[in-house]
Amino acid sequence: MSQNKQGAQHTVKTNKKQTPAAGPQQVVVIGGGFSGLATAGLLAASGHKVTLLEQQKHLGGRAGRLHRDGFSFDTGPSWYLMPEVIEHWFELMGSSTQEALDLVALDPGYRVWFAGESGPVDLSTGENADAVFEGLAPGGGAALSQYREQAKESYNLALQHFLYDDFSSIKSFINPHTLKLLPQLAPLLGTSLEKHVAKRFTDGRLRQILGYPAVFLGSSPQRTPALYHLMSHLDLTQGVGYPMGGFAALVDAMEQICLQAGVEIITEAQVEGIDVATTGKPQVQAVRWINTARSGIKHNVQEADVVVGAADLHHIEADLLQPEFRAHSQASWKRRDPGPSAVLLCLGIKGKIPQLDHHNLFFTKDWEENFARIHQGRDLEPETSVYVCMPSHTDPSVAPAGHENLFVLVPAPALPAWGGGGPDGTGAAQVEEVADAAIDQIASWAGIPDLRERIVVRQSYGPADFLNTVNAWQGGALGLAHTLRQSAFFRPANHNPKVAGLHYAGSSVRPGIGIPMCLISAELVTKRINGIKKPGPLEFGPAIQSAAKRRAER
């Protein structure tokens, strides 16, 4: 949903930083989202010659941006979680989030509206969150305190033993640490998040708060493994942050760091195919792409020793590779779950809206039916679960003075046939119908009766937009759903076993969905390409520098 109203920028970007005198591999990264940027930067920093190809006018992938009439909208990720993972990438690149970003902590982290309730509930962290739960249901505070502690343990367990493991070797499954953890892991993988929460909380509102993070994982509480209760450590213990300037500021900061590392960035580059040499074991040879800049269409061939597919996995395999080189058959895709799509709505509102906070969640009462309709591809009910981000509550730069910036997300079936959005209500009929219903619901539940009349900017997006702008399989908004069959070691791998030199990063491969997961996938790919087998996060400077030195000495 990336749009640029300011005209085409320079199509080719590069920084003339020196590369090692001998031995760097030529790497082509396909896709300029978070995983593509993170991978390109790490590989350039470790001595490779890296070219990044992005088909849109600017970088970010699903983290799109819209500038219109003085409003600046993020049209993708809006929750800044797992800050230590993001900080780790910046440190690997010789920088820091403190240096590159203006981060603020949100307190409260978010506001929740329940169907039929007279007012919202504000959620903060730690004991403050416990107190809110206690106020909603006697005994809820103590139960949440224990739940948060368990979530912290699971989070640390995942960080130490799973998220930074690409599970490419049988050793990952039979090492003593993994075997020792099996008794603890088995019930968390074999039970749904819904059942895990229900055993500990009886109040429906508390269950909704603790179950909703499954949506961030492209799934539902009924279909997400209980292991992901660890998500509650992120919002209810660590807290929620926000980069001033929006998530476009994070993309821009990563772009500048990549340029400083020597990455060549080419935008408006539509990849047509990956060429594979078949003498001996199949090996990547080149990437073919079209320059779609306004100056004209030009066909290009970029030779490559290594290719990293950081775009949609299905697109990389089904559209850019010949059938014999695909790691995943078409039959296997028929068994996969693309996760939900979404109807997005960017609204510029005249006047202030004190009823809303930075993050706002509206939970429908018929929760199970809501998720069932999304999963089964049925029409949504007029009132459904809705997420509203109002970054202007925190950041005055995203809206003109005296106005508010609203980003509305309605989870929807992954059906491109629903169509796409458009400006001022001109999108596909089904998309605009859902958007109109969301506006009415927000106005009614939050007590903003004149909300519709105050709209001065309106832009919608639908499932077809995800397909058309980022090649998302079936128009999915996030990536493969984190069901049991698509989590941890069951998720697609970060490399193609049929083609030497072909690797994958992003939200549909290990470890999964979300900005931090995409950055970790970049580390997994970097370690594999550099021959680093030490488990855990990629080490700081010395590991990257030693890899660069080995290549320079070849």
Protein backbone atom coordinates (compact mmCIF):
# COMPACT_ATOMS: atom_id res chain seq x y z
CA MET A 1 0.00 0.00 0.00
CA SER A 2 3.02 2.18 -0.47
CA GLN A 3 2.21 5.37 -2.29
CA ASN A 4 4.33 8.37 -3.16
CA LYS A 5 2.65 11.65 -4.06
CA GLN A 6 5.95 13.53 -4.45
CA GLY A 7 7.11 12.09 -7.78
CA ALA A 8 9.69 9.46 -8.66
CA GLN A 9 12.92 9.46 -6.70
CA HIS A 10 16.30 8.36 -7.99
CA THR A 11 15.87 4.76 -9.03
CA VAL A 12 19.42 3.65 -8.17
CA LYS A 13 20.90 4.47 -4.79
CA THR A 14 24.39 3.54 -3.69
CA ASN A 15 27.15 4.71 -1.41
CA LYS A 16 30.72 4.56 -2.68
CA LYS A 17 32.03 2.82 0.43
CA GLN A 18 34.98 0.53 -0.28
CA THR A 19 34.44 -3.21 -0.31
CA PRO A 20 37.16 -5.79 0.41
CA ALA A 21 39.85 -5.86 -2.25
CA ALA A 22 39.32 -9.54 -2.97
CA GLY A 23 36.81 -12.28 -2.51
CA PRO A 24 33.41 -10.75 -1.75
CA GLN A 25 30.44 -12.64 -3.13
CA GLN A 26 27.93 -10.85 -5.31
CA VAL A 27 24.61 -10.95 -3.45
CA VAL A 28 21.24 -9.88 -4.80
CA VAL A 29 18.47 -9.30 -2.25
CA ILE A 30 14.94 -9.33 -3.70
CA GLY A 31 12.60 -7.14 -1.68
CA GLY A 32 13.18 -3.96 0.30
CA GLY A 33 11.00 -4.59 3.33
CA PHE A 34 12.40 -5.02 6.83
CA SER A 35 13.85 -8.47 6.16
CA GLY A 36 15.41 -7.36 2.88
CA LEU A 37 16.97 -4.24 4.36
CA ALA A 38 18.21 -6.11 7.42
CA THR A 39 19.75 -8.91 5.35
CA ALA A 40 21.35 -6.55 2.83
CA GLY A 41 22.92 -4.48 5.58
CA LEU A 42 24.34 -7.44 7.50
CA LEU A 43 25.77 -9.07 4.38
CA ALA A 44 27.36 -5.82 3.20
CA ALA A 45 28.84 -5.27 6.64
CA SER A 46 30.37 -8.75 6.50
CA GLY A 47 32.18 -8.07 3.25
CA HIS A 48 29.83 -9.02 0.45
CA LYS A 49 28.91 -6.87 -2.53
CA VAL A 50 25.16 -6.44 -2.16
CA THR A 51 22.48 -5.15 -4.51
CA LEU A 52 18.93 -4.78 -3.19
CA LEU A 53 16.05 -4.74 -5.69
CA GLU A 54 12.70 -3.24 -4.66
CA GLN A 55 9.76 -3.04 -7.06
CA GLN A 56 8.07 -0.05 -5.42
CA LYS A 57 9.18 3.59 -5.51
CA HIS A 58 10.39 3.47 -1.95
CA LEU A 59 11.40 0.88 0.59
CA GLY A 60 9.44 -0.76 3.38
CA GLY A 61 7.45 -3.56 1.74
CA ARG A 62 4.32 -4.06 3.81
CA ALA A 63 5.39 -1.04 5.86
CA GLY A 64 3.91 1.37 3.36
CA ARG A 65 3.35 5.07 3.67
CA LEU A 66 0.86 7.59 2.38
CA HIS A 67 1.35 11.37 2.33
CA ARG A 68 -1.75 13.41 1.55
CA ASP A 69 -2.89 16.93 2.40
CA GLY A 70 -0.44 17.29 5.28
CA PHE A 71 -1.13 13.84 6.78
CA SER A 72 1.52 11.11 6.97
CA PHE A 73 0.09 7.62 7.35
CA ASP A 74 1.84 4.34 8.09
CA THR A 75 -0.10 1.70 6.16
CA GLY A 76 1.58 -1.33 7.71
CA PRO A 77 3.15 -2.25 11.07
CA SER A 78 2.31 0.09 13.92
CA TRP A 79 3.34 -1.77 17.12
CA TYR A 80 6.96 -1.38 18.24
CA LEU A 81 7.62 -4.57 20.24
CA MET A 82 10.67 -6.69 21.16
CA PRO A 83 12.92 -3.60 21.21
CA GLU A 84 16.01 -5.64 22.09
CA VAL A 85 15.82 -7.49 18.77
CA ILE A 86 15.60 -4.25 16.79
CA GLU A 87 18.37 -2.72 18.88
CA HIS A 88 20.54 -5.77 18.17
CA TRP A 89 20.39 -5.19 14.40
CA PHE A 90 21.38 -1.54 14.79
CA GLU A 91 24.29 -2.52 17.04
CA LEU A 92 25.44 -5.14 14.54
CA MET A 93 25.56 -2.33 11.99
CA GLY A 94 27.60 -0.08 14.28
CA SER A 95 24.70 2.15 15.29
CA SER A 96 21.90 2.16 17.86
CA THR A 97 18.20 2.92 17.99
CA GLN A 98 19.02 5.77 20.37
CA GLU A 99 21.20 7.31 17.68
CA ALA A 100 18.98 6.54 14.68
CA LEU A 101 15.45 6.91 16.09
CA ASP A 102 13.44 9.03 18.48
CA LEU A 103 11.67 6.32 20.47
CA VAL A 104 8.99 7.00 23.04
CA ALA A 105 7.26 4.60 25.43
CA LEU A 106 3.47 4.56 25.27
CA ASP A 107 1.59 4.67 28.56
CA PRO A 108 -1.00 3.32 28.45
CA GLY A 109 0.16 0.85 25.85
CA TYR A 110 -3.34 0.61 24.40
CA ARG A 111 -7.03 1.18 25.04
CA VAL A 112 -9.65 -1.57 24.75
CA TRP A 113 -13.35 -1.20 23.97
CA PHE A 114 -15.67 -4.14 24.67
CA ALA A 115 -19.04 -4.61 23.00
CA GLY A 116 -21.85 -3.46 25.27
CA GLU A 117 -19.54 -1.80 27.83
CA SER A 118 -20.02 1.84 28.77
CA GLY A 119 -16.37 2.83 28.56
CA PRO A 120 -12.89 1.65 27.61
CA VAL A 121 -10.12 0.01 29.60
CA ASP A 122 -6.54 1.30 29.45
CA LEU A 123 -3.75 -1.28 29.62
CA SER A 124 -0.30 -0.45 30.90
CA THR A 125 2.47 -2.77 32.11
CA GLY A 126 3.45 -4.77 35.16
CA GLU A 127 1.53 -4.20 38.36
CA ASN A 128 -0.58 -1.52 36.68
CA ALA A 129 -1.88 -4.13 34.25
CA ASP A 130 -2.49 -6.50 37.16
CA ALA A 131 -4.57 -3.81 38.86
CA VAL A 132 -6.71 -3.32 35.74
CA PHE A 133 -7.39 -7.05 35.55
CA GLU A 134 -8.28 -7.12 39.24
CA GLY A 135 -10.72 -4.27 38.70
CA LEU A 136 -12.43 -6.17 35.90
CA ALA A 137 -12.63 -9.50 37.72
CA PRO A 138 -11.73 -10.33 41.35
CA GLY A 139 -8.66 -12.54 41.36
CA GLY A 140 -7.71 -11.42 37.86
CA GLY A 141 -4.75 -9.40 39.10
CA ALA A 142 -3.00 -12.31 40.79
CA ALA A 143 -3.79 -14.55 37.83
CA LEU A 144 -2.29 -12.03 35.40
CA SER A 145 0.83 -11.59 37.52
CA GLN A 146 1.43 -15.34 37.33
CA TYR A 147 0.52 -15.42 33.64
CA ARG A 148 2.98 -12.64 32.86
CA GLU A 149 5.74 -14.48 34.68
CA GLN A 150 5.03 -17.63 32.68
CA ALA A 151 4.96 -15.58 29.47
CA LYS A 152 8.36 -14.15 30.36
CA GLU A 153 9.77 -17.65 30.86
CA SER A 154 8.38 -18.79 27.50
CA TYR A 155 9.72 -15.69 25.78
CA ASN A 156 13.21 -16.24 27.14
CA LEU A 157 12.96 -19.90 26.21
CA ALA A 158 12.04 -18.99 22.64
CA LEU A 159 14.84 -16.44 22.36
CA GLN A 160 17.46 -18.81 23.68
CA HIS A 161 16.49 -22.01 21.91
CA PHE A 162 14.15 -21.46 18.97
CA LEU A 163 13.89 -18.04 17.37
CA TYR A 164 17.57 -17.90 16.45
CA ASP A 165 17.73 -21.50 15.18
CA ASP A 166 16.97 -22.17 11.51
CA PHE A 167 16.41 -25.90 12.26
CA SER A 168 18.34 -26.81 9.13
CA SER A 169 20.11 -29.68 10.88
CA ILE A 170 18.89 -32.71 12.80
CA LYS A 171 21.20 -31.50 15.59
CA SER A 172 18.67 -28.77 16.33
CA PHE A 173 16.12 -31.42 17.27
CA ILE A 174 18.29 -33.86 19.19
CA ASN A 175 20.57 -31.52 21.12
CA PRO A 176 20.38 -31.94 24.91
CA HIS A 177 18.77 -28.53 25.44
CA THR A 178 15.86 -29.26 23.10
CA LEU A 179 15.29 -32.74 24.49
CA LYS A 180 15.33 -31.39 28.04
CA LEU A 181 12.68 -28.84 27.13
CA LEU A 182 10.27 -31.30 25.51
CA PRO A 183 8.14 -31.86 28.64
CA GLN A 184 7.68 -28.10 28.91
CA LEU A 185 7.13 -27.55 25.19
CA ALA A 186 4.75 -30.40 24.40
CA PRO A 187 1.69 -28.97 26.20
CA LEU A 188 2.38 -25.48 24.85
CA LEU A 189 2.54 -26.75 21.28
CA GLY A 190 -0.32 -29.21 21.64
CA THR A 191 -2.81 -26.79 23.22
CA SER A 192 -4.39 -23.72 21.67
CA LEU A 193 -3.84 -20.26 23.08
CA GLU A 194 -7.59 -20.02 23.64
CA LYS A 195 -7.64 -23.11 25.89
CA HIS A 196 -4.45 -22.04 27.65
CA VAL A 197 -6.00 -18.69 28.58
CA ALA A 198 -9.40 -20.17 29.44
CA LYS A 199 -7.81 -22.44 32.06
CA ARG A 200 -6.54 -19.39 33.91
CA PHE A 201 -9.22 -16.74 33.37
CA THR A 202 -13.01 -16.97 33.42
CA ASP A 203 -13.91 -13.38 32.52
CA GLY A 204 -14.53 -13.03 28.79
CA ARG A 205 -12.95 -9.58 28.60
CA LEU A 206 -9.69 -10.79 30.11
CA ARG A 207 -9.67 -13.73 27.73
CA GLN A 208 -10.03 -11.37 24.78
CA ILE A 209 -7.14 -9.17 25.89
CA LEU A 210 -4.85 -12.17 26.26
CA GLY A 211 -6.07 -13.92 23.11
CA TYR A 212 -5.94 -11.03 20.67
CA PRO A 213 -2.13 -11.14 20.17
CA ALA A 214 -2.82 -14.19 17.99
CA VAL A 215 -4.04 -11.72 15.35
CA PHE A 216 -0.54 -10.19 15.27
CA LEU A 217 0.61 -13.69 14.29
CA GLY A 218 -1.82 -13.99 11.42
CA SER A 219 -4.08 -16.43 13.22
CA SER A 220 -6.76 -16.69 15.92
CA PRO A 221 -6.65 -17.81 19.57
CA GLN A 222 -8.39 -21.05 18.59
CA ARG A 223 -5.71 -21.98 16.05
CA THR A 224 -2.54 -20.55 17.59
CA PRO A 225 -0.34 -22.77 19.81
CA ALA A 226 -0.30 -21.84 23.49
CA LEU A 227 3.45 -21.24 23.21
CA TYR A 228 2.56 -17.81 21.88
CA HIS A 229 1.19 -16.72 25.24
CA LEU A 230 4.71 -15.29 25.33
CA MET A 231 3.28 -12.34 23.37
CA SER A 232 1.74 -11.05 26.59
CA HIS A 233 5.24 -10.51 27.94
CA LEU A 234 5.79 -8.00 25.16
CA ASP A 235 2.77 -5.74 25.69
CA LEU A 236 1.97 -6.28 29.38
CA THR A 237 5.50 -6.44 30.82
CA GLN A 238 7.98 -4.90 28.36
CA GLY A 239 5.56 -2.29 27.05
CA VAL A 240 4.79 -0.74 23.68
CA GLY A 241 7.01 1.83 21.99
CA TYR A 242 6.68 4.19 19.05
CA PRO A 243 9.29 5.74 16.73
CA MET A 244 8.51 9.42 16.21
CA GLY A 245 7.80 10.01 12.55
CA GLY A 246 6.14 6.61 12.36
CA PHE A 247 7.46 3.33 11.07
CA ALA A 248 8.53 5.10 7.89
CA ALA A 249 11.23 6.64 10.11
CA LEU A 250 12.45 3.14 11.01
CA VAL A 251 12.57 2.17 7.32
CA ASP A 252 14.45 5.36 6.46
CA ALA A 253 16.97 4.83 9.26
CA MET A 254 17.68 1.28 8.11
CA GLU A 255 18.02 2.47 4.51
CA GLN A 256 20.65 5.04 5.47
CA ILE A 257 22.61 2.49 7.48
CA CYS A 258 22.52 0.06 4.55
CA LEU A 259 23.80 2.74 2.18
CA GLN A 260 26.61 3.55 4.58
CA ALA A 261 27.52 -0.15 4.62
CA GLY A 262 27.85 -0.11 0.83
CA VAL A 263 24.53 -1.63 -0.25
CA GLU A 264 23.39 -0.66 -3.74
CA ILE A 265 19.65 -0.01 -3.55
CA ILE A 266 17.60 -0.02 -6.74
CA THR A 267 13.93 0.90 -6.48
CA GLU A 268 11.29 0.50 -9.17
CA ALA A 269 13.01 -2.78 -10.03
CA GLN A 270 10.51 -5.49 -10.91
CA VAL A 271 12.17 -8.90 -10.76
CA GLU A 272 11.22 -11.24 -13.59
CA GLY A 273 13.11 -14.37 -12.64
CA ILE A 274 16.01 -16.10 -10.93
CA ASP A 275 18.41 -17.86 -13.31
CA VAL A 276 19.88 -21.14 -12.13
CA ALA A 277 23.02 -22.79 -13.51
CA THR A 278 22.52 -26.53 -13.94
CA THR A 279 26.09 -27.74 -14.47
CA GLY A 280 26.47 -30.04 -11.48
CA LYS A 281 24.35 -29.08 -8.49
CA PRO A 282 21.93 -26.30 -9.38
CA GLN A 283 23.36 -22.93 -8.35
CA VAL A 284 21.97 -19.41 -8.58
CA GLN A 285 23.48 -17.51 -11.46
CA ALA A 286 21.62 -14.24 -11.98
CA VAL A 287 18.49 -12.21 -11.32
CA ARG A 288 16.54 -10.71 -14.22
CA TRP A 289 14.66 -7.50 -13.58
CA ILE A 290 12.90 -4.62 -15.32
CA ASN A 291 13.50 -0.97 -14.54
CA THR A 292 10.00 0.49 -14.29
CA ALA A 293 11.06 4.09 -13.63
CA ARG A 294 9.45 6.87 -15.59
CA SER A 295 12.48 7.11 -17.86
CA GLY A 296 11.34 3.89 -19.53
CA ILE A 297 11.41 0.12 -19.20
CA LYS A 298 14.86 -1.43 -19.34
CA HIS A 299 15.66 -5.12 -19.01
CA ASN A 300 18.58 -5.99 -16.74
CA VAL A 301 20.50 -9.10 -15.74
CA GLN A 302 22.30 -8.97 -12.39
CA GLU A 303 24.84 -11.76 -11.92
CA ALA A 304 24.79 -13.30 -8.46
CA ASP A 305 26.65 -15.86 -6.38
CA VAL A 306 23.94 -15.62 -3.74
CA VAL A 307 20.29 -14.60 -3.96
CA VAL A 308 18.14 -13.80 -0.93
CA GLY A 309 14.41 -13.85 -1.60
CA ALA A 310 13.06 -11.36 0.94
CA ALA A 311 9.77 -10.84 -0.86
CA ASP A 312 6.67 -13.02 -0.47
CA LEU A 313 7.79 -16.66 -0.40
CA HIS A 314 5.06 -17.94 -2.71
CA HIS A 315 5.86 -15.20 -5.22
CA ILE A 316 9.58 -16.02 -5.15
CA GLU A 317 8.99 -19.71 -5.74
CA ALA A 318 5.94 -19.75 -8.03
CA ASP A 319 6.71 -16.69 -10.16
CA LEU A 320 10.51 -16.39 -10.23
CA LEU A 321 11.73 -20.02 -10.25
CA GLN A 322 11.27 -22.83 -12.73
CA PRO A 323 9.15 -25.69 -11.26
CA GLU A 324 12.08 -28.08 -10.83
CA PHE A 325 13.88 -25.63 -8.54
CA ARG A 326 10.99 -24.88 -6.18
CA ALA A 327 11.37 -26.07 -2.60
CA HIS A 328 7.59 -26.06 -2.13
CA SER A 329 5.18 -27.74 -4.53
CA GLN A 330 1.88 -26.24 -5.56
CA ALA A 331 0.19 -29.09 -3.69
CA SER A 332 1.93 -28.05 -0.47
CA TRP A 333 0.63 -24.50 -0.86
CA LYS A 334 -2.92 -25.80 -1.05
CA ARG A 335 -2.45 -27.15 2.49
CA ARG A 336 -1.11 -23.88 3.84
CA ASP A 337 -2.91 -21.05 5.59
CA PRO A 338 -2.14 -17.55 4.27
CA GLY A 339 -3.45 -15.91 7.42
CA PRO A 340 -5.95 -13.06 7.26
CA SER A 341 -6.00 -10.14 4.91
CA ALA A 342 -7.36 -6.78 6.00
CA VAL A 343 -9.36 -3.76 5.02
CA LEU A 344 -7.25 -0.73 5.87
CA LEU A 345 -8.52 2.81 6.17
CA CYS A 346 -6.45 5.98 6.47
CA LEU A 347 -8.55 8.85 7.79
CA GLY A 348 -7.63 12.47 8.26
CA ILE A 349 -10.02 13.95 10.85
CA LYS A 350 -10.75 17.62 11.47
CA GLY A 351 -10.58 18.43 15.17
CA LYS A 352 -9.21 16.39 18.07
CA ILE A 353 -10.51 13.04 19.32
CA PRO A 354 -9.86 12.73 23.07
CA GLN A 355 -11.93 9.53 23.18
CA LEU A 356 -9.13 7.56 21.48
CA ASP A 357 -5.58 6.79 22.58
CA HIS A 358 -2.58 5.90 20.40
CA HIS A 359 -3.57 2.21 20.07
CA ASN A 360 -7.23 1.18 20.34
CA LEU A 361 -8.81 -2.26 20.13
CA PHE A 362 -12.55 -2.79 19.63
CA PHE A 363 -13.62 -6.34 20.53
CA THR A 364 -16.89 -7.76 19.28
CA LYS A 365 -18.89 -9.92 21.67
CA ASP A 366 -19.30 -12.81 19.22
CA TRP A 367 -15.55 -13.35 19.15
CA GLU A 368 -15.47 -16.95 17.88
CA GLU A 369 -17.88 -16.22 15.04
CA ASN A 370 -15.78 -13.21 14.04
CA PHE A 371 -12.66 -15.34 13.65
CA ALA A 372 -14.60 -18.12 11.93
CA ARG A 373 -15.89 -15.73 9.27
CA ILE A 374 -12.36 -14.52 8.55
CA HIS A 375 -10.90 -18.02 8.36
CA GLN A 376 -13.75 -19.45 6.29
CA GLY A 377 -13.87 -16.57 3.82
CA ARG A 378 -17.37 -15.38 4.73
CA ASP A 379 -18.66 -11.82 4.78
CA LEU A 380 -18.02 -9.89 7.98
CA GLU A 381 -20.82 -8.78 10.25
CA PRO A 382 -21.55 -5.03 10.49
CA GLU A 383 -19.80 -4.93 13.87
CA THR A 384 -16.54 -6.83 13.99
CA SER A 385 -13.23 -6.61 15.85
CA VAL A 386 -11.39 -3.47 14.76
CA TYR A 387 -7.98 -1.95 15.48
CA VAL A 388 -7.47 1.82 15.36
CA CYS A 389 -4.11 3.54 15.58
CA MET A 390 -4.13 7.29 16.23
CA PRO A 391 -0.42 8.22 16.14
CA SER A 392 -1.27 11.92 16.23
CA HIS A 393 -2.06 11.35 19.93
CA THR A 394 1.72 10.97 20.39
CA ASP A 395 3.29 12.49 17.29
CA PRO A 396 2.13 15.92 16.05
CA SER A 397 4.18 15.57 12.86
CA VAL A 398 1.75 13.07 11.29
CA ALA A 399 -1.24 15.43 11.00
CA PRO A 400 -1.86 19.14 10.46
CA ALA A 401 -2.45 21.20 13.59
CA GLY A 402 -5.92 20.65 15.00
CA HIS A 403 -6.41 17.35 13.17
CA GLU A 404 -6.07 13.65 13.95
CA ASN A 405 -4.54 10.81 11.96
CA LEU A 406 -6.46 7.51 12.13
CA PHE A 407 -5.26 4.20 10.74
CA VAL A 408 -8.04 1.61 10.89
CA LEU A 409 -7.47 -2.12 10.37
CA VAL A 410 -10.29 -4.62 10.03
CA PRO A 411 -9.10 -8.26 9.81
CA ALA A 412 -10.70 -9.80 6.73
CA PRO A 413 -10.58 -13.03 4.69
CA ALA A 414 -7.59 -13.52 2.40
CA LEU A 415 -9.67 -13.11 -0.74
CA PRO A 416 -8.25 -10.85 -3.47
CA ALA A 417 -11.69 -11.09 -5.12
CA TRP A 418 -12.87 -8.59 -2.52
CA GLY A 419 -10.90 -6.05 -4.54
CA GLY A 420 -8.80 -3.09 -3.54
CA GLY A 421 -9.39 0.27 -2.00
CA GLY A 422 -9.24 3.81 -3.29
CA PRO A 423 -9.41 7.48 -2.33
CA ASP A 424 -12.57 9.04 -0.95
CA GLY A 425 -14.73 5.93 -1.03
CA THR A 426 -13.92 4.90 -4.61
CA GLY A 427 -12.57 1.44 -3.80
CA ALA A 428 -14.25 -1.88 -4.50
CA ALA A 429 -17.79 -2.13 -3.15
CA GLN A 430 -17.05 -4.79 -0.52
CA VAL A 431 -13.96 -2.97 0.75
CA GLU A 432 -15.83 0.32 1.10
CA GLU A 433 -18.77 -1.41 2.76
CA VAL A 434 -16.46 -2.81 5.45
CA ALA A 435 -14.74 0.57 5.78
CA ASP A 436 -18.05 2.39 6.22
CA ALA A 437 -19.18 -0.11 8.85
CA ALA A 438 -15.90 0.37 10.75
CA ILE A 439 -16.34 4.15 10.77
CA ASP A 440 -19.86 3.79 12.14
CA GLN A 441 -18.74 1.28 14.77
CA ILE A 442 -15.89 3.47 16.01
CA ALA A 443 -18.20 6.48 16.14
CA SER A 444 -20.83 4.56 18.11
CA TRP A 445 -18.61 2.68 20.54
CA ALA A 446 -16.22 5.55 21.30
CA GLY A 447 -18.89 8.23 21.45
CA ILE A 448 -17.82 10.29 18.42
CA PRO A 449 -21.20 10.88 16.72
CA ASP A 450 -19.87 13.35 14.15
CA LEU A 451 -16.83 11.27 13.14
CA ARG A 452 -17.97 10.72 9.56
CA GLU A 453 -18.71 14.42 9.00
CA ARG A 454 -15.22 15.37 10.18
CA ILE A 455 -13.35 13.20 7.66
CA VAL A 456 -11.18 15.36 5.37
CA VAL A 457 -8.94 12.59 3.98
CA ARG A 458 -9.99 9.03 3.25
CA GLN A 459 -8.00 6.26 1.59
CA SER A 460 -8.91 2.58 1.76
CA TYR A 461 -7.01 -0.61 0.90
CA GLY A 462 -8.29 -4.14 0.41
CA PRO A 463 -6.97 -7.69 -0.08
CA ALA A 464 -6.22 -7.11 -3.77
CA ASP A 465 -3.86 -4.29 -2.82
CA PHE A 466 -1.69 -6.65 -0.78
CA LEU A 467 -1.48 -8.93 -3.79
CA ASN A 468 -0.76 -6.16 -6.27
CA THR A 469 1.74 -4.10 -4.27
CA VAL A 470 3.78 -6.71 -2.36
CA ASN A 471 2.81 -9.91 -4.23
CA ALA A 472 1.27 -11.29 -1.04
CA TRP A 473 -0.01 -14.83 -1.49
CA GLN A 474 -3.84 -14.73 -1.63
CA GLY A 475 -3.71 -11.12 -0.52
CA GLY A 476 -2.58 -11.99 3.01
CA ALA A 477 -1.75 -8.98 5.17
CA LEU A 478 0.99 -10.48 7.34
CA GLY A 479 2.43 -13.78 6.13
CA LEU A 480 1.72 -17.45 6.76
CA ALA A 481 -0.49 -17.87 9.84
CA HIS A 482 1.21 -19.10 13.00
CA THR A 483 -0.78 -22.29 13.32
CA LEU A 484 0.96 -25.34 14.77
CA ARG A 485 1.74 -26.68 11.29
CA GLN A 486 3.31 -23.35 10.35
CA SER A 487 5.25 -22.49 13.51
CA ALA A 488 8.84 -23.04 14.65
CA PHE A 489 10.49 -25.93 12.79
CA PHE A 490 7.27 -26.61 10.83
CA ARG A 491 7.54 -23.21 9.14
CA PRO A 492 9.25 -22.97 5.71
CA ALA A 493 13.03 -22.93 5.94
CA ASN A 494 15.37 -20.00 5.27
CA HIS A 495 17.10 -21.69 2.34
CA ASN A 496 16.20 -23.64 -0.78
CA PRO A 497 17.72 -27.15 -0.56
CA LYS A 498 17.42 -27.63 -4.32
CA VAL A 499 19.44 -24.58 -5.36
CA ALA A 500 22.81 -23.65 -3.88
CA GLY A 501 23.05 -20.00 -2.94
CA LEU A 502 19.30 -19.38 -2.73
CA HIS A 503 18.04 -18.20 0.66
CA TYR A 504 14.78 -16.85 2.05
CA ALA A 505 14.01 -14.16 4.63
CA GLY A 506 10.77 -12.59 5.74
CA SER A 507 7.47 -13.17 7.47
CA SER A 508 6.54 -16.47 5.79
CA VAL A 509 9.73 -18.30 6.76
CA ARG A 510 11.41 -18.99 10.09
CA PRO A 511 10.94 -17.59 12.64
CA GLY A 512 7.78 -15.78 11.51
CA ILE A 513 5.60 -12.67 11.40
CA GLY A 514 6.48 -9.22 12.67
CA ILE A 515 9.34 -6.73 12.34
CA PRO A 516 11.52 -8.40 15.02
CA MET A 517 10.98 -11.83 13.45
CA CYS A 518 11.95 -10.45 10.04
CA LEU A 519 15.17 -9.05 11.52
CA ILE A 520 15.93 -12.40 13.11
CA SER A 521 15.34 -14.15 9.78
CA ALA A 522 17.94 -11.79 8.31
CA GLU A 523 20.41 -12.90 10.98
CA LEU A 524 19.68 -16.57 10.25
CA VAL A 525 20.35 -16.05 6.55
CA THR A 526 23.50 -14.03 7.23
CA LYS A 527 24.88 -16.71 9.52
CA ARG A 528 24.25 -19.44 6.96
CA ILE A 529 25.84 -17.51 4.09
CA ASN A 530 28.84 -16.61 6.24
CA GLY A 531 29.28 -20.16 7.51
CA ILE A 532 28.64 -19.18 11.13
CA LYS A 533 27.26 -22.21 12.96
CA LYS A 534 27.32 -20.90 16.51
CA PRO A 535 23.76 -20.95 17.90
CA GLY A 536 22.01 -17.84 19.10
CA PRO A 537 21.99 -14.27 17.84
CA LEU A 538 24.61 -13.12 15.39
CA GLU A 539 27.50 -11.73 17.38
CA PHE A 540 28.56 -8.12 17.25
CA GLY A 541 31.41 -6.76 15.13
CA PRO A 542 33.98 -9.55 15.56
CA ALA A 543 31.81 -12.25 13.94
CA ILE A 544 30.99 -10.07 10.95
CA GLN A 545 34.56 -8.79 10.66
CA SER A 546 36.08 -12.28 10.79
CA ALA A 547 33.70 -13.45 8.05
CA ALA A 548 34.74 -10.50 5.89
CA LYS A 549 38.41 -11.19 6.58
CA ARG A 550 38.08 -14.84 5.53
CA ARG A 551 36.55 -13.82 2.22
CA ALA A 552 39.17 -11.16 1.60
CA GLU A 553 41.92 -13.75 2.10
CA ARG A 554 40.52 -16.21 -0.46
